[in-house]
Amino acid sequence: MLNYVKLILQKVSFDRHLFEKELRKAIARLLPQDIEDLKHWCYEQYSGHYQLVLDKCFYQMG
């Protein structure tokens, strides 16, 4: 499931709104350990473009 989420995020990364929407869906559906892996991967891949989106999504989940 995690690999599928990564694929989807890569495909929608051209649009901030779609990226945030898919990221929120992924966070709601993944297991806690997969969310941590996703978080690290997202920050490695997208912190340059979507830092604010990542911060908002990952820190609102707690």
PDB file of N, CA and C in Angstrom:
ATOM      1  N   MET A   1       0.821  -1.191   0.000  1.00  0.00           N
ATOM      2  CA  MET A   1       0.000   0.000   0.000  1.00  0.00           C
ATOM      3  C   MET A   1       0.866   1.257   0.000  1.00  0.00           C
ATOM      4  N   LEU A   2       1.953   1.235   0.757  1.00  0.00           N
ATOM      5  CA  LEU A   2       2.830   2.397   0.831  1.00  0.00           C
ATOM      6  C   LEU A   2       3.422   2.730  -0.539  1.00  0.00           C
ATOM      7  N   ASN A   3       3.836   1.726  -1.269  1.00  0.00           N
ATOM      8  CA  ASN A   3       4.388   1.975  -2.604  1.00  0.00           C
ATOM      9  C   ASN A   3       3.336   2.561  -3.541  1.00  0.00           C
ATOM     10  N   TYR A   4       2.113   2.120  -3.402  1.00  0.00           N
ATOM     11  CA  TYR A   4       1.019   2.656  -4.206  1.00  0.00           C
ATOM     12  C   TYR A   4       0.784   4.130  -3.880  1.00  0.00           C
ATOM     13  N   VAL A   5       0.806   4.468  -2.600  1.00  0.00           N
ATOM     14  CA  VAL A   5       0.628   5.860  -2.174  1.00  0.00           C
ATOM     15  C   VAL A   5       1.744   6.729  -2.746  1.00  0.00           C
ATOM     16  N   LYS A   6       2.965   6.245  -2.687  1.00  0.00           N
ATOM     17  CA  LYS A   6       4.092   6.999  -3.245  1.00  0.00           C
ATOM     18  C   LYS A   6       3.897   7.237  -4.738  1.00  0.00           C
ATOM     19  N   LEU A   7       3.449   6.222  -5.447  1.00  0.00           N
ATOM     20  CA  LEU A   7       3.199   6.354  -6.880  1.00  0.00           C
ATOM     21  C   LEU A   7       2.143   7.418  -7.157  1.00  0.00           C
ATOM     22  N   ILE A   8       1.062   7.384  -6.406  1.00  0.00           N
ATOM     23  CA  ILE A   8      -0.006   8.377  -6.581  1.00  0.00           C
ATOM     24  C   ILE A   8       0.525   9.777  -6.300  1.00  0.00           C
ATOM     25  N   LEU A   9       1.267   9.944  -5.215  1.00  0.00           N
ATOM     26  CA  LEU A   9       1.801  11.265  -4.884  1.00  0.00           C
ATOM     27  C   LEU A   9       2.750  11.777  -5.969  1.00  0.00           C
ATOM     28  N   GLN A  10       3.531  10.893  -6.543  1.00  0.00           N
ATOM     29  CA  GLN A  10       4.412  11.291  -7.639  1.00  0.00           C
ATOM     30  C   GLN A  10       3.600  11.772  -8.837  1.00  0.00           C
ATOM     31  N   LYS A  11       2.507  11.081  -9.120  1.00  0.00           N
ATOM     32  CA  LYS A  11       1.692  11.425 -10.282  1.00  0.00           C
ATOM     33  C   LYS A  11       0.922  12.737 -10.116  1.00  0.00           C
ATOM     34  N   VAL A  12       0.593  13.102  -8.881  1.00  0.00           N
ATOM     35  CA  VAL A  12      -0.165  14.345  -8.659  1.00  0.00           C
ATOM     36  C   VAL A  12       0.713  15.479  -8.144  1.00  0.00           C
ATOM     37  N   SER A  13       2.004  15.279  -8.106  1.00  0.00           N
ATOM     38  CA  SER A  13       2.892  16.275  -7.524  1.00  0.00           C
ATOM     39  C   SER A  13       2.969  17.575  -8.335  1.00  0.00           C
ATOM     40  N   PHE A  14       2.396  17.596  -9.506  1.00  0.00           N
ATOM     41  CA  PHE A  14       2.374  18.815 -10.316  1.00  0.00           C
ATOM     42  C   PHE A  14       1.370  19.835  -9.787  1.00  0.00           C
ATOM     43  N   ASP A  15       0.451  19.408  -8.917  1.00  0.00           N
ATOM     44  CA  ASP A  15      -0.618  20.276  -8.437  1.00  0.00           C
ATOM     45  C   ASP A  15      -0.681  20.229  -6.910  1.00  0.00           C
ATOM     46  N   ARG A  16      -0.472  21.366  -6.257  1.00  0.00           N
ATOM     47  CA  ARG A  16      -0.446  21.422  -4.800  1.00  0.00           C
ATOM     48  C   ARG A  16      -1.739  20.911  -4.174  1.00  0.00           C
ATOM     49  N   HIS A  17      -2.872  21.303  -4.742  1.00  0.00           N
ATOM     50  CA  HIS A  17      -4.162  20.902  -4.181  1.00  0.00           C
ATOM     51  C   HIS A  17      -4.354  19.384  -4.256  1.00  0.00           C
ATOM     52  N   LEU A  18      -4.073  18.795  -5.395  1.00  0.00           N
ATOM     53  CA  LEU A  18      -4.200  17.338  -5.540  1.00  0.00           C
ATOM     54  C   LEU A  18      -3.214  16.600  -4.633  1.00  0.00           C
ATOM     55  N   PHE A  19      -2.000  17.126  -4.564  1.00  0.00           N
ATOM     56  CA  PHE A  19      -0.991  16.506  -3.721  1.00  0.00           C
ATOM     57  C   PHE A  19      -1.454  16.480  -2.268  1.00  0.00           C
ATOM     58  N   GLU A  20      -1.953  17.603  -1.784  1.00  0.00           N
ATOM     59  CA  GLU A  20      -2.424  17.665  -0.401  1.00  0.00           C
ATOM     60  C   GLU A  20      -3.613  16.736  -0.172  1.00  0.00           C
ATOM     61  N   LYS A  21      -4.528  16.711  -1.111  1.00  0.00           N
ATOM     62  CA  LYS A  21      -5.706  15.846  -0.998  1.00  0.00           C
ATOM     63  C   LYS A  21      -5.299  14.371  -0.901  1.00  0.00           C
ATOM     64  N   GLU A  22      -4.414  13.947  -1.781  1.00  0.00           N
ATOM     65  CA  GLU A  22      -3.982  12.546  -1.774  1.00  0.00           C
ATOM     66  C   GLU A  22      -3.144  12.223  -0.547  1.00  0.00           C
ATOM     67  N   LEU A  23      -2.345  13.164  -0.101  1.00  0.00           N
ATOM     68  CA  LEU A  23      -1.553  12.941   1.102  1.00  0.00           C
ATOM     69  C   LEU A  23      -2.459  12.769   2.317  1.00  0.00           C
ATOM     70  N   ARG A  24      -3.475  13.595   2.432  1.00  0.00           N
ATOM     71  CA  ARG A  24      -4.419  13.469   3.552  1.00  0.00           C
ATOM     72  C   ARG A  24      -5.138  12.120   3.521  1.00  0.00           C
ATOM     73  N   LYS A  25      -5.552  11.681   2.344  1.00  0.00           N
ATOM     74  CA  LYS A  25      -6.202  10.372   2.218  1.00  0.00           C
ATOM     75  C   LYS A  25      -5.255   9.255   2.649  1.00  0.00           C
ATOM     76  N   ALA A  26      -4.004   9.365   2.230  1.00  0.00           N
ATOM     77  CA  ALA A  26      -3.021   8.337   2.576  1.00  0.00           C
ATOM     78  C   ALA A  26      -2.804   8.271   4.081  1.00  0.00           C
ATOM     79  N   ILE A  27      -2.659   9.419   4.711  1.00  0.00           N
ATOM     80  CA  ILE A  27      -2.435   9.461   6.151  1.00  0.00           C
ATOM     81  C   ILE A  27      -3.613   8.836   6.898  1.00  0.00           C
ATOM     82  N   ALA A  28      -4.809   9.061   6.403  1.00  0.00           N
ATOM     83  CA  ALA A  28      -5.998   8.511   7.056  1.00  0.00           C
ATOM     84  C   ALA A  28      -6.095   6.994   6.918  1.00  0.00           C
ATOM     85  N   ARG A  29      -5.474   6.440   5.897  1.00  0.00           N
ATOM     86  CA  ARG A  29      -5.656   5.016   5.596  1.00  0.00           C
ATOM     87  C   ARG A  29      -4.476   4.126   5.968  1.00  0.00           C
ATOM     88  N   LEU A  30      -3.301   4.705   6.135  1.00  0.00           N
ATOM     89  CA  LEU A  30      -2.108   3.895   6.372  1.00  0.00           C
ATOM     90  C   LEU A  30      -1.943   3.537   7.846  1.00  0.00           C
ATOM     91  N   LEU A  31      -1.199   2.492   8.081  1.00  0.00           N
ATOM     92  CA  LEU A  31      -0.822   2.105   9.443  1.00  0.00           C
ATOM     93  C   LEU A  31       0.207   3.094   9.980  1.00  0.00           C
ATOM     94  N   PRO A  32       0.275   3.248  11.304  1.00  0.00           N
ATOM     95  CA  PRO A  32       1.197   4.240  11.882  1.00  0.00           C
ATOM     96  C   PRO A  32       2.653   4.099  11.430  1.00  0.00           C
ATOM     97  N   GLN A  33       3.156   2.880  11.338  1.00  0.00           N
ATOM     98  CA  GLN A  33       4.549   2.711  10.913  1.00  0.00           C
ATOM     99  C   GLN A  33       4.733   3.104   9.444  1.00  0.00           C
ATOM    100  N   ASP A  34       3.718   2.878   8.623  1.00  0.00           N
ATOM    101  CA  ASP A  34       3.787   3.286   7.219  1.00  0.00           C
ATOM    102  C   ASP A  34       3.703   4.804   7.085  1.00  0.00           C
ATOM    103  N   ILE A  35       2.962   5.447   7.989  1.00  0.00           N
ATOM    104  CA  ILE A  35       2.874   6.902   7.963  1.00  0.00           C
ATOM    105  C   ILE A  35       4.247   7.511   8.251  1.00  0.00           C
ATOM    106  N   GLU A  36       4.976   6.930   9.192  1.00  0.00           N
ATOM    107  CA  GLU A  36       6.322   7.439   9.492  1.00  0.00           C
ATOM    108  C   GLU A  36       7.240   7.283   8.276  1.00  0.00           C
ATOM    109  N   ASP A  37       7.166   6.135   7.607  1.00  0.00           N
ATOM    110  CA  ASP A  37       7.965   5.927   6.400  1.00  0.00           C
ATOM    111  C   ASP A  37       7.572   6.916   5.316  1.00  0.00           C
ATOM    112  N   LEU A  38       6.271   7.120   5.154  1.00  0.00           N
ATOM    113  CA  LEU A  38       5.776   8.076   4.160  1.00  0.00           C
ATOM    114  C   LEU A  38       6.249   9.479   4.493  1.00  0.00           C
ATOM    115  N   LYS A  39       6.202   9.839   5.749  1.00  0.00           N
ATOM    116  CA  LYS A  39       6.631  11.170   6.178  1.00  0.00           C
ATOM    117  C   LYS A  39       8.087  11.416   5.795  1.00  0.00           C
ATOM    118  N   HIS A  40       8.948  10.487   6.104  1.00  0.00           N
ATOM    119  CA  HIS A  40      10.364  10.635   5.763  1.00  0.00           C
ATOM    120  C   HIS A  40      10.562  10.729   4.254  1.00  0.00           C
ATOM    121  N   TRP A  41       9.878   9.878   3.520  1.00  0.00           N
ATOM    122  CA  TRP A  41       9.982   9.883   2.060  1.00  0.00           C
ATOM    123  C   TRP A  41       9.484  11.209   1.485  1.00  0.00           C
ATOM    124  N   CYS A  42       8.356  11.690   1.958  1.00  0.00           N
ATOM    125  CA  CYS A  42       7.791  12.945   1.453  1.00  0.00           C
ATOM    126  C   CYS A  42       8.732  14.115   1.698  1.00  0.00           C
ATOM    127  N   TYR A  43       9.300  14.182   2.885  1.00  0.00           N
ATOM    128  CA  TYR A  43      10.211  15.286   3.176  1.00  0.00           C
ATOM    129  C   TYR A  43      11.473  15.197   2.324  1.00  0.00           C
ATOM    130  N   GLU A  44      11.949  13.989   2.047  1.00  0.00           N
ATOM    131  CA  GLU A  44      13.113  13.832   1.172  1.00  0.00           C
ATOM    132  C   GLU A  44      12.792  14.267  -0.260  1.00  0.00           C
ATOM    133  N   GLN A  45      11.599  13.913  -0.728  1.00  0.00           N
ATOM    134  CA  GLN A  45      11.240  14.154  -2.125  1.00  0.00           C
ATOM    135  C   GLN A  45      10.670  15.546  -2.378  1.00  0.00           C
ATOM    136  N   TYR A  46       9.873  16.066  -1.453  1.00  0.00           N
ATOM    137  CA  TYR A  46       9.035  17.222  -1.765  1.00  0.00           C
ATOM    138  C   TYR A  46       9.177  18.418  -0.830  1.00  0.00           C
ATOM    139  N   SER A  47      10.122  18.403   0.085  1.00  0.00           N
ATOM    140  CA  SER A  47      10.215  19.525   1.019  1.00  0.00           C
ATOM    141  C   SER A  47      10.564  20.835   0.303  1.00  0.00           C
ATOM    142  N   GLY A  48      11.213  20.750  -0.839  1.00  0.00           N
ATOM    143  CA  GLY A  48      11.539  21.957  -1.588  1.00  0.00           C
ATOM    144  C   GLY A  48      10.321  22.638  -2.174  1.00  0.00           C
ATOM    145  N   HIS A  49       9.330  21.873  -2.580  1.00  0.00           N
ATOM    146  CA  HIS A  49       8.135  22.417  -3.227  1.00  0.00           C
ATOM    147  C   HIS A  49       6.945  22.526  -2.280  1.00  0.00           C
ATOM    148  N   TYR A  50       6.808  21.556  -1.392  1.00  0.00           N
ATOM    149  CA  TYR A  50       5.585  21.447  -0.602  1.00  0.00           C
ATOM    150  C   TYR A  50       5.838  21.407   0.905  1.00  0.00           C
ATOM    151  N   GLN A  51       6.825  22.130   1.365  1.00  0.00           N
ATOM    152  CA  GLN A  51       7.159  22.134   2.792  1.00  0.00           C
ATOM    153  C   GLN A  51       5.953  22.482   3.653  1.00  0.00           C
ATOM    154  N   LEU A  52       5.231  23.522   3.295  1.00  0.00           N
ATOM    155  CA  LEU A  52       4.079  23.948   4.096  1.00  0.00           C
ATOM    156  C   LEU A  52       2.965  22.909   4.085  1.00  0.00           C
ATOM    157  N   VAL A  53       2.731  22.290   2.941  1.00  0.00           N
ATOM    158  CA  VAL A  53       1.708  21.245   2.836  1.00  0.00           C
ATOM    159  C   VAL A  53       2.099  20.058   3.713  1.00  0.00           C
ATOM    160  N   LEU A  54       3.354  19.654   3.632  1.00  0.00           N
ATOM    161  CA  LEU A  54       3.816  18.519   4.431  1.00  0.00           C
ATOM    162  C   LEU A  54       3.690  18.817   5.917  1.00  0.00           C
ATOM    163  N   ASP A  55       4.135  19.995   6.320  1.00  0.00           N
ATOM    164  CA  ASP A  55       4.027  20.365   7.732  1.00  0.00           C
ATOM    165  C   ASP A  55       2.571  20.338   8.189  1.00  0.00           C
ATOM    166  N   LYS A  56       1.704  20.920   7.384  1.00  0.00           N
ATOM    167  CA  LYS A  56       0.286  20.991   7.747  1.00  0.00           C
ATOM    168  C   LYS A  56      -0.325  19.593   7.870  1.00  0.00           C
ATOM    169  N   CYS A  57      -0.070  18.745   6.913  1.00  0.00           N
ATOM    170  CA  CYS A  57      -0.678  17.403   6.901  1.00  0.00           C
ATOM    171  C   CYS A  57      -0.118  16.509   8.007  1.00  0.00           C
ATOM    172  N   PHE A  58       1.192  16.476   8.156  1.00  0.00           N
ATOM    173  CA  PHE A  58       1.784  15.547   9.121  1.00  0.00           C
ATOM    174  C   PHE A  58       1.644  16.017  10.560  1.00  0.00           C
ATOM    175  N   TYR A  59       1.561  17.299  10.789  1.00  0.00           N
ATOM    176  CA  TYR A  59       1.486  17.763  12.164  1.00  0.00           C
ATOM    177  C   TYR A  59       0.054  18.002  12.627  1.00  0.00           C
ATOM    178  N   GLN A  60      -0.900  17.925  11.734  1.00  0.00           N
ATOM    179  CA  GLN A  60      -2.301  17.993  12.128  1.00  0.00           C
ATOM    180  C   GLN A  60      -2.857  16.612  12.472  1.00  0.00           C
ATOM    181  N   MET A  61      -2.124  15.578  12.140  1.00  0.00           N
ATOM    182  CA  MET A  61      -2.624  14.226  12.387  1.00  0.00           C
ATOM    183  C   MET A  61      -2.562  13.855  13.860  1.00  0.00           C
ATOM    184  N   GLY A  62      -1.756  14.545  14.657  1.00  0.00           N
ATOM    185  CA  GLY A  62      -1.605  14.197  16.060  1.00  0.00           C
ATOM    186  C   GLY A  62      -2.605  14.817  16.889  1.00  0.00           C
TER     187      GLY A  62
END
